[in-house]
Amino acid sequence: MSKIEKGIESSMVYLQIKELMENAKKQVFVKINNILVQTYWEIGKIIVEDEQKNKERAEYLIENKKI
């Protein structure tokens, strides 16, 4: 095998490895983004539920003239 052929073969191997690594990075970013979206949604849900409980307590106190 000549130097040119070895160089071409090495370049092809490099490109395959590079593509594999880039695809892996993309998959990692997608997974991380999905986890972050789910986490932020859960945080928002907790906040809204807490605010609703506080509103219900305030309404109860007002209705029963405890404020």
C-alpha atoms as a PDB file:
ATOM      1  CA  MET A   1       0.000   0.000   0.000  1.00  0.00           C
ATOM      2  CA  SER A   2       1.404   3.387  -0.956  1.00  0.00           C
ATOM      3  CA  LYS A   3       1.673   6.394   1.363  1.00  0.00           C
ATOM      4  CA  ILE A   4      -1.218   8.074  -0.464  1.00  0.00           C
ATOM      5  CA  GLU A   5      -3.456   5.039   0.026  1.00  0.00           C
ATOM      6  CA  LYS A   6      -2.488   4.828   3.713  1.00  0.00           C
ATOM      7  CA  GLY A   7      -3.205   8.540   4.102  1.00  0.00           C
ATOM      8  CA  ILE A   8      -6.622   8.208   2.474  1.00  0.00           C
ATOM      9  CA  GLU A   9      -7.454   5.186   4.620  1.00  0.00           C
ATOM     10  CA  SER A  10      -6.347   7.029   7.776  1.00  0.00           C
ATOM     11  CA  SER A  11      -8.472  10.022   6.776  1.00  0.00           C
ATOM     12  CA  MET A  12     -11.500   7.797   6.273  1.00  0.00           C
ATOM     13  CA  VAL A  13     -10.996   6.178   9.689  1.00  0.00           C
ATOM     14  CA  TYR A  14     -10.623   9.628  11.260  1.00  0.00           C
ATOM     15  CA  LEU A  15     -13.837  10.841   9.597  1.00  0.00           C
ATOM     16  CA  GLN A  16     -15.759   7.769  10.783  1.00  0.00           C
ATOM     17  CA  ILE A  17     -14.553   8.287  14.347  1.00  0.00           C
ATOM     18  CA  LYS A  18     -15.304  12.009  14.166  1.00  0.00           C
ATOM     19  CA  GLU A  19     -18.841  11.337  12.906  1.00  0.00           C
ATOM     20  CA  LEU A  20     -19.416   8.761  15.637  1.00  0.00           C
ATOM     21  CA  MET A  21     -18.295  11.235  18.320  1.00  0.00           C
ATOM     22  CA  GLU A  22     -20.455  14.033  16.886  1.00  0.00           C
ATOM     23  CA  ASN A  23     -23.508  11.762  16.850  1.00  0.00           C
ATOM     24  CA  ALA A  24     -22.828  10.737  20.446  1.00  0.00           C
ATOM     25  CA  LYS A  25     -22.598  14.409  21.480  1.00  0.00           C
ATOM     26  CA  LYS A  26     -25.918  15.170  19.785  1.00  0.00           C
ATOM     27  CA  GLN A  27     -27.589  12.283  21.606  1.00  0.00           C
ATOM     28  CA  VAL A  28     -26.191  13.499  24.926  1.00  0.00           C
ATOM     29  CA  PHE A  29     -27.447  17.053  24.302  1.00  0.00           C
ATOM     30  CA  VAL A  30     -30.922  15.768  23.419  1.00  0.00           C
ATOM     31  CA  LYS A  31     -31.081  13.644  26.582  1.00  0.00           C
ATOM     32  CA  ILE A  32     -29.851  16.514  28.770  1.00  0.00           C
ATOM     33  CA  ASN A  33     -32.347  18.932  27.230  1.00  0.00           C
ATOM     34  CA  ASN A  34     -35.189  16.466  27.788  1.00  0.00           C
ATOM     35  CA  ILE A  35     -34.186  16.023  31.426  1.00  0.00           C
ATOM     36  CA  LEU A  36     -33.927  19.796  31.939  1.00  0.00           C
ATOM     37  CA  VAL A  37     -37.347  20.425  30.390  1.00  0.00           C
ATOM     38  CA  GLN A  38     -38.901  17.723  32.560  1.00  0.00           C
ATOM     39  CA  THR A  39     -37.176  19.115  35.669  1.00  0.00           C
ATOM     40  CA  TYR A  40     -38.291  22.699  34.985  1.00  0.00           C
ATOM     41  CA  TRP A  41     -41.840  21.477  34.345  1.00  0.00           C
ATOM     42  CA  GLU A  42     -41.869  19.656  37.689  1.00  0.00           C
ATOM     43  CA  ILE A  43     -40.497  22.761  39.454  1.00  0.00           C
ATOM     44  CA  GLY A  44     -43.233  24.875  37.885  1.00  0.00           C
ATOM     45  CA  LYS A  45     -45.862  22.342  38.923  1.00  0.00           C
ATOM     46  CA  ILE A  46     -44.644  22.432  42.541  1.00  0.00           C
ATOM     47  CA  ILE A  47     -44.713  26.242  42.575  1.00  0.00           C
ATOM     48  CA  VAL A  48     -48.227  26.429  41.087  1.00  0.00           C
ATOM     49  CA  GLU A  49     -49.574  23.814  43.498  1.00  0.00           C
ATOM     50  CA  ASP A  50     -48.060  25.686  46.448  1.00  0.00           C
ATOM     51  CA  GLU A  51     -49.526  28.993  45.270  1.00  0.00           C
ATOM     52  CA  GLN A  52     -52.943  27.368  44.880  1.00  0.00           C
ATOM     53  CA  LYS A  53     -52.773  25.986  48.434  1.00  0.00           C
ATOM     54  CA  ASN A  54     -51.855  29.429  49.777  1.00  0.00           C
ATOM     55  CA  LYS A  55     -54.726  31.007  47.818  1.00  0.00           C
ATOM     56  CA  GLU A  56     -57.167  28.432  49.181  1.00  0.00           C
ATOM     57  CA  ARG A  57     -55.942  29.110  52.741  1.00  0.00           C
ATOM     58  CA  ALA A  58     -56.317  32.855  52.274  1.00  0.00           C
ATOM     59  CA  GLU A  59     -59.837  32.458  50.872  1.00  0.00           C
ATOM     60  CA  TYR A  60     -60.790  30.213  53.787  1.00  0.00           C
ATOM     61  CA  LEU A  61     -59.493  32.720  56.326  1.00  0.00           C
ATOM     62  CA  ILE A  62     -61.291  35.603  54.616  1.00  0.00           C
ATOM     63  CA  GLU A  63     -64.568  33.670  54.395  1.00  0.00           C
ATOM     64  CA  ASN A  64     -64.380  32.727  58.058  1.00  0.00           C
ATOM     65  CA  LYS A  65     -63.367  36.262  59.108  1.00  0.00           C
ATOM     66  CA  LYS A  66     -60.166  35.066  60.696  1.00  0.00           C
ATOM     67  CA  ILE A  67     -58.130  37.828  59.105  1.00  0.00           C
END
